[in-house]
């Protein structure tokens, strides 16, 4: 019975650790995502952002690749 309890606690701890690791990764992905950064919901939004000169060139190139579907 003790081995089963140790095994169950280990699995529970693994689940908790995985929860926080995945949550951190999702936050980083969301922070680095061009779609989330500029709130792009449609191709029209992407086209409008491509034409905007206030957006950095690097971001504009990423938006253009998304717009073209590459």
C-alpha atoms as a PDB file:
ATOM      1  CA  UNK A   1       0.000   0.000   0.000  1.00  0.00           C
ATOM      2  CA  UNK A   2       2.888   2.370   0.753  1.00  0.00           C
ATOM      3  CA  UNK A   3       4.359   1.915  -2.712  1.00  0.00           C
ATOM      4  CA  UNK A   4       1.024   2.757  -4.299  1.00  0.00           C
ATOM      5  CA  UNK A   5       0.776   5.929  -2.205  1.00  0.00           C
ATOM      6  CA  UNK A   6       4.313   6.978  -3.144  1.00  0.00           C
ATOM      7  CA  UNK A   7       3.538   6.304  -6.801  1.00  0.00           C
ATOM      8  CA  UNK A   8       0.304   8.330  -6.640  1.00  0.00           C
ATOM      9  CA  UNK A   9       2.035  11.283  -4.967  1.00  0.00           C
ATOM     10  CA  UNK A  10       4.828  11.204  -7.557  1.00  0.00           C
ATOM     11  CA  UNK A  11       2.300  11.244 -10.409  1.00  0.00           C
ATOM     12  CA  UNK A  12       0.427  14.103  -8.759  1.00  0.00           C
ATOM     13  CA  UNK A  13       3.621  16.137  -8.394  1.00  0.00           C
ATOM     14  CA  UNK A  14       4.504  15.442 -12.016  1.00  0.00           C
ATOM     15  CA  UNK A  15       1.085  16.721 -13.109  1.00  0.00           C
ATOM     16  CA  UNK A  16       1.483  19.934 -11.103  1.00  0.00           C
ATOM     17  CA  UNK A  17       4.966  20.572 -12.487  1.00  0.00           C
ATOM     18  CA  UNK A  18       3.804  19.924 -16.055  1.00  0.00           C
ATOM     19  CA  UNK A  19       0.874  22.305 -15.554  1.00  0.00           C
ATOM     20  CA  UNK A  20       3.172  25.177 -14.632  1.00  0.00           C
ATOM     21  CA  UNK A  21       5.740  24.405 -17.333  1.00  0.00           C
ATOM     22  CA  UNK A  22       3.097  24.318 -20.056  1.00  0.00           C
ATOM     23  CA  UNK A  23       1.491  27.476 -18.715  1.00  0.00           C
ATOM     24  CA  UNK A  24       4.823  29.320 -18.837  1.00  0.00           C
ATOM     25  CA  UNK A  25       5.459  28.137 -22.403  1.00  0.00           C
ATOM     26  CA  UNK A  26       2.016  29.302 -23.532  1.00  0.00           C
ATOM     27  CA  UNK A  27       2.667  32.738 -22.038  1.00  0.00           C
ATOM     28  CA  UNK A  28       5.989  33.028 -23.863  1.00  0.00           C
ATOM     29  CA  UNK A  29       4.416  31.897 -27.136  1.00  0.00           C
ATOM     30  CA  UNK A  30       1.612  34.409 -26.748  1.00  0.00           C
ATOM     31  CA  UNK A  31       4.089  37.190 -25.980  1.00  0.00           C
ATOM     32  CA  UNK A  32       6.165  36.398 -29.071  1.00  0.00           C
ATOM     33  CA  UNK A  33       3.222  35.829 -31.408  1.00  0.00           C
ATOM     34  CA  UNK A  34       2.692  38.438 -34.114  1.00  0.00           C
ATOM     35  CA  UNK A  35      -1.006  37.568 -34.307  1.00  0.00           C
ATOM     36  CA  UNK A  36      -1.524  38.278 -30.615  1.00  0.00           C
ATOM     37  CA  UNK A  37       0.769  41.308 -30.570  1.00  0.00           C
ATOM     38  CA  UNK A  38      -1.169  43.159 -33.276  1.00  0.00           C
ATOM     39  CA  UNK A  39      -4.558  41.478 -32.698  1.00  0.00           C
ATOM     40  CA  UNK A  40      -4.870  40.127 -36.248  1.00  0.00           C
ATOM     41  CA  UNK A  41      -8.252  38.501 -36.773  1.00  0.00           C
ATOM     42  CA  UNK A  42      -8.629  38.550 -40.552  1.00  0.00           C
ATOM     43  CA  UNK A  43      -6.601  38.965 -43.747  1.00  0.00           C
ATOM     44  CA  UNK A  44      -7.905  42.535 -43.954  1.00  0.00           C
ATOM     45  CA  UNK A  45      -6.294  43.325 -40.589  1.00  0.00           C
ATOM     46  CA  UNK A  46      -3.016  41.832 -41.794  1.00  0.00           C
ATOM     47  CA  UNK A  47      -3.132  43.835 -45.038  1.00  0.00           C
ATOM     48  CA  UNK A  48      -3.813  47.035 -43.126  1.00  0.00           C
ATOM     49  CA  UNK A  49      -0.827  46.359 -40.867  1.00  0.00           C
ATOM     50  CA  UNK A  50       1.429  45.626 -43.848  1.00  0.00           C
ATOM     51  CA  UNK A  51       0.630  49.086 -45.192  1.00  0.00           C
ATOM     52  CA  UNK A  52       1.264  50.782 -41.829  1.00  0.00           C
ATOM     53  CA  UNK A  53       4.696  52.440 -41.791  1.00  0.00           C
ATOM     54  CA  UNK A  54       4.852  52.792 -37.999  1.00  0.00           C
ATOM     55  CA  UNK A  55       5.290  49.010 -37.573  1.00  0.00           C
ATOM     56  CA  UNK A  56       8.901  47.760 -37.573  1.00  0.00           C
ATOM     57  CA  UNK A  57      10.065  46.166 -40.828  1.00  0.00           C
ATOM     58  CA  UNK A  58      10.787  42.810 -39.190  1.00  0.00           C
ATOM     59  CA  UNK A  59       7.221  42.561 -37.882  1.00  0.00           C
ATOM     60  CA  UNK A  60       5.830  43.674 -41.239  1.00  0.00           C
ATOM     61  CA  UNK A  61       7.700  40.869 -42.983  1.00  0.00           C
ATOM     62  CA  UNK A  62       6.287  38.301 -40.548  1.00  0.00           C
ATOM     63  CA  UNK A  63       2.778  39.669 -41.062  1.00  0.00           C
ATOM     64  CA  UNK A  64       3.248  39.520 -44.825  1.00  0.00           C
ATOM     65  CA  UNK A  65       4.244  35.850 -44.681  1.00  0.00           C
ATOM     66  CA  UNK A  66       1.134  35.151 -42.614  1.00  0.00           C
ATOM     67  CA  UNK A  67      -0.981  37.143 -45.060  1.00  0.00           C
ATOM     68  CA  UNK A  68       0.383  35.207 -48.046  1.00  0.00           C
ATOM     69  CA  UNK A  69      -0.073  31.913 -46.223  1.00  0.00           C
ATOM     70  CA  UNK A  70       3.551  30.748 -46.440  1.00  0.00           C
END
